[in-house]
Amino acid sequence: MRNPNNNDSPWRLLGWFGVAGMNVAICVVIGYFLGKWLSEWLGGGPIWSAVGALTGLVVGVVNIVYFIKKLTEETDG
């Protein structure tokens, strides 16, 4: 009989995807507000908000890449 592994659960995978999505969302929101703050501080207009949001998106995606790399290293055993 096959011994079930807790790492094979589809709910666990769904949880990882949820965490990854929240990670990107939080990074984008933080980047937007940092860009908005820079816009008020430097007086550059709304371009800083866009730059901040895009920077947050890039940081979120890079963070997910490292997260997936670490996750796959753990499952290699």
N, C-alpha and C. Protein backbone atom coordinates (compact mmCIF):
# COMPACT_ATOMS: atom_id res chain seq x y z
N MET A 1 0.83 -1.17 0.00
CA MET A 1 0.00 0.00 0.00
C MET A 1 0.88 1.24 0.00
N ARG A 2 0.45 2.24 -0.70
CA ARG A 2 1.21 3.48 -0.81
C ARG A 2 1.04 4.31 0.46
N ASN A 3 2.15 4.84 0.93
CA ASN A 3 2.14 5.68 2.12
C ASN A 3 1.90 7.13 1.68
N PRO A 4 0.78 7.74 2.10
CA PRO A 4 0.51 9.12 1.65
C PRO A 4 1.51 10.11 2.22
N ASN A 5 1.86 11.07 1.41
CA ASN A 5 2.81 12.11 1.81
C ASN A 5 2.03 13.40 1.99
N ASN A 6 2.26 14.10 3.08
CA ASN A 6 1.54 15.34 3.35
C ASN A 6 1.87 16.43 2.35
N ASN A 7 3.03 16.35 1.69
CA ASN A 7 3.42 17.37 0.72
C ASN A 7 2.69 17.23 -0.61
N ASP A 8 1.97 16.13 -0.83
CA ASP A 8 1.26 15.90 -2.08
C ASP A 8 -0.16 16.47 -2.07
N SER A 9 -0.58 17.11 -1.02
CA SER A 9 -1.94 17.60 -0.89
C SER A 9 -2.20 18.76 -1.84
N PRO A 10 -3.32 18.71 -2.57
CA PRO A 10 -3.65 19.86 -3.44
C PRO A 10 -3.99 21.10 -2.62
N TRP A 11 -4.47 20.93 -1.41
CA TRP A 11 -4.77 22.08 -0.55
C TRP A 11 -3.49 22.81 -0.14
N ARG A 12 -2.45 22.04 0.07
CA ARG A 12 -1.16 22.65 0.42
C ARG A 12 -0.64 23.48 -0.75
N LEU A 13 -0.76 22.94 -1.95
CA LEU A 13 -0.33 23.67 -3.15
C LEU A 13 -1.18 24.92 -3.34
N LEU A 14 -2.46 24.82 -3.10
CA LEU A 14 -3.34 25.98 -3.20
C LEU A 14 -2.95 27.05 -2.18
N GLY A 15 -2.57 26.62 -1.00
CA GLY A 15 -2.10 27.56 0.02
C GLY A 15 -0.83 28.27 -0.41
N TRP A 16 0.10 27.54 -1.03
CA TRP A 16 1.34 28.17 -1.52
C TRP A 16 1.04 29.21 -2.58
N PHE A 17 0.09 28.91 -3.48
CA PHE A 17 -0.28 29.88 -4.51
C PHE A 17 -0.93 31.12 -3.89
N GLY A 18 -1.73 30.92 -2.87
CA GLY A 18 -2.34 32.05 -2.17
C GLY A 18 -1.31 32.94 -1.51
N VAL A 19 -0.33 32.31 -0.87
CA VAL A 19 0.75 33.08 -0.23
C VAL A 19 1.55 33.84 -1.28
N ALA A 20 1.82 33.21 -2.41
CA ALA A 20 2.58 33.87 -3.47
C ALA A 20 1.81 35.07 -4.02
N GLY A 21 0.52 34.92 -4.23
CA GLY A 21 -0.29 36.03 -4.72
C GLY A 21 -0.35 37.18 -3.74
N MET A 22 -0.51 36.85 -2.47
CA MET A 22 -0.54 37.91 -1.44
C MET A 22 0.82 38.61 -1.37
N ASN A 23 1.88 37.86 -1.55
CA ASN A 23 3.22 38.44 -1.53
C ASN A 23 3.37 39.49 -2.62
N VAL A 24 2.96 39.17 -3.83
CA VAL A 24 3.06 40.12 -4.93
C VAL A 24 2.16 41.33 -4.67
N ALA A 25 0.95 41.09 -4.20
CA ALA A 25 0.02 42.19 -3.94
C ALA A 25 0.58 43.14 -2.88
N ILE A 26 1.12 42.60 -1.82
CA ILE A 26 1.68 43.43 -0.75
C ILE A 26 2.87 44.24 -1.26
N CYS A 27 3.73 43.60 -2.05
CA CYS A 27 4.89 44.31 -2.60
C CYS A 27 4.46 45.45 -3.52
N VAL A 28 3.44 45.23 -4.34
CA VAL A 28 2.96 46.27 -5.25
C VAL A 28 2.36 47.43 -4.46
N VAL A 29 1.57 47.13 -3.44
CA VAL A 29 0.95 48.20 -2.64
C VAL A 29 2.00 49.00 -1.89
N ILE A 30 2.97 48.32 -1.29
CA ILE A 30 4.05 49.03 -0.60
C ILE A 30 4.84 49.88 -1.58
N GLY A 31 5.14 49.34 -2.77
CA GLY A 31 5.85 50.10 -3.78
C GLY A 31 5.07 51.32 -4.23
N TYR A 32 3.75 51.17 -4.37
CA TYR A 32 2.92 52.31 -4.77
C TYR A 32 2.98 53.42 -3.73
N PHE A 33 2.82 53.06 -2.46
CA PHE A 33 2.83 54.08 -1.43
C PHE A 33 4.21 54.71 -1.23
N LEU A 34 5.27 53.94 -1.42
CA LEU A 34 6.61 54.53 -1.39
C LEU A 34 6.80 55.49 -2.56
N GLY A 35 6.29 55.11 -3.72
CA GLY A 35 6.35 56.00 -4.88
C GLY A 35 5.54 57.27 -4.67
N LYS A 36 4.38 57.13 -4.03
CA LYS A 36 3.55 58.29 -3.73
C LYS A 36 4.27 59.22 -2.74
N TRP A 37 4.92 58.62 -1.76
CA TRP A 37 5.68 59.42 -0.80
C TRP A 37 6.83 60.14 -1.50
N LEU A 38 7.54 59.43 -2.40
CA LEU A 38 8.61 60.07 -3.17
C LEU A 38 8.08 61.20 -4.04
N SER A 39 6.89 61.00 -4.60
CA SER A 39 6.29 62.03 -5.43
C SER A 39 6.02 63.30 -4.63
N GLU A 40 5.54 63.13 -3.41
CA GLU A 40 5.30 64.30 -2.55
C GLU A 40 6.61 64.93 -2.09
N TRP A 41 7.61 64.12 -1.84
CA TRP A 41 8.89 64.61 -1.33
C TRP A 41 9.71 65.30 -2.42
N LEU A 42 9.73 64.68 -3.63
CA LEU A 42 10.52 65.24 -4.72
C LEU A 42 9.71 66.12 -5.67
N GLY A 43 8.40 66.01 -5.61
CA GLY A 43 7.55 66.81 -6.48
C GLY A 43 7.60 66.39 -7.94
N GLY A 44 7.63 65.10 -8.20
CA GLY A 44 7.76 64.62 -9.57
C GLY A 44 6.46 64.23 -10.23
N GLY A 45 5.35 64.38 -9.58
CA GLY A 45 4.07 64.01 -10.17
C GLY A 45 3.77 62.53 -9.98
N PRO A 46 2.78 62.05 -10.71
CA PRO A 46 2.33 60.66 -10.51
C PRO A 46 3.29 59.61 -11.08
N ILE A 47 4.32 60.02 -11.76
CA ILE A 47 5.26 59.04 -12.34
C ILE A 47 5.92 58.21 -11.25
N TRP A 48 6.17 58.81 -10.09
CA TRP A 48 6.81 58.08 -9.01
C TRP A 48 5.92 56.98 -8.46
N SER A 49 4.61 57.20 -8.45
CA SER A 49 3.69 56.15 -8.00
C SER A 49 3.75 54.95 -8.94
N ALA A 50 3.79 55.23 -10.24
CA ALA A 50 3.88 54.14 -11.22
C ALA A 50 5.21 53.41 -11.11
N VAL A 51 6.29 54.17 -10.95
CA VAL A 51 7.61 53.54 -10.80
C VAL A 51 7.65 52.69 -9.53
N GLY A 52 7.08 53.20 -8.46
CA GLY A 52 7.04 52.44 -7.21
C GLY A 52 6.24 51.16 -7.34
N ALA A 53 5.08 51.23 -8.01
CA ALA A 53 4.25 50.04 -8.19
C ALA A 53 4.96 49.00 -9.06
N LEU A 54 5.61 49.46 -10.13
CA LEU A 54 6.34 48.53 -10.99
C LEU A 54 7.55 47.92 -10.27
N THR A 55 8.21 48.72 -9.45
CA THR A 55 9.32 48.20 -8.66
C THR A 55 8.82 47.16 -7.67
N GLY A 56 7.68 47.43 -7.05
CA GLY A 56 7.08 46.46 -6.14
C GLY A 56 6.71 45.17 -6.86
N LEU A 57 6.22 45.28 -8.08
CA LEU A 57 5.89 44.09 -8.87
C LEU A 57 7.14 43.26 -9.15
N VAL A 58 8.21 43.93 -9.53
CA VAL A 58 9.47 43.22 -9.81
C VAL A 58 9.99 42.54 -8.54
N VAL A 59 9.96 43.26 -7.43
CA VAL A 59 10.42 42.69 -6.16
C VAL A 59 9.56 41.48 -5.78
N GLY A 60 8.25 41.57 -5.97
CA GLY A 60 7.36 40.46 -5.67
C GLY A 60 7.64 39.23 -6.53
N VAL A 61 7.88 39.45 -7.81
CA VAL A 61 8.16 38.32 -8.71
C VAL A 61 9.50 37.68 -8.37
N VAL A 62 10.51 38.50 -8.09
CA VAL A 62 11.82 37.96 -7.70
C VAL A 62 11.70 37.17 -6.40
N ASN A 63 10.92 37.67 -5.48
CA ASN A 63 10.69 36.98 -4.22
C ASN A 63 10.02 35.62 -4.46
N ILE A 64 9.08 35.56 -5.37
CA ILE A 64 8.42 34.29 -5.69
C ILE A 64 9.39 33.32 -6.34
N VAL A 65 10.28 33.82 -7.20
CA VAL A 65 11.28 32.95 -7.83
C VAL A 65 12.16 32.29 -6.76
N TYR A 66 12.63 33.10 -5.79
CA TYR A 66 13.43 32.54 -4.71
C TYR A 66 12.61 31.58 -3.85
N PHE A 67 11.34 31.90 -3.65
CA PHE A 67 10.44 31.05 -2.88
C PHE A 67 10.26 29.69 -3.55
N ILE A 68 10.05 29.69 -4.85
CA ILE A 68 9.88 28.43 -5.59
C ILE A 68 11.17 27.64 -5.61
N LYS A 69 12.30 28.34 -5.75
CA LYS A 69 13.60 27.66 -5.73
C LYS A 69 13.81 26.95 -4.40
N LYS A 70 13.51 27.64 -3.31
CA LYS A 70 13.66 27.04 -1.99
C LYS A 70 12.69 25.88 -1.81
N LEU A 71 11.48 26.03 -2.29
CA LEU A 71 10.47 24.97 -2.17
C LEU A 71 10.89 23.72 -2.93
N THR A 72 11.44 23.90 -4.14
CA THR A 72 11.85 22.73 -4.92
C THR A 72 13.11 22.08 -4.34
N GLU A 73 13.98 22.86 -3.70
CA GLU A 73 15.14 22.26 -3.05
C GLU A 73 14.72 21.41 -1.86
N GLU A 74 13.67 21.82 -1.14
CA GLU A 74 13.20 21.05 0.00
C GLU A 74 12.59 19.73 -0.43
N THR A 75 11.91 19.70 -1.59
CA THR A 75 11.24 18.48 -2.03
C THR A 75 12.18 17.51 -2.73
N ASP A 76 13.38 17.97 -3.12
CA ASP A 76 14.33 17.06 -3.78
C ASP A 76 14.82 15.98 -2.82
N GLY A 77 14.78 16.28 -1.56
CA GLY A 77 15.03 15.31 -0.54
C GLY A 77 16.40 15.01 -0.22
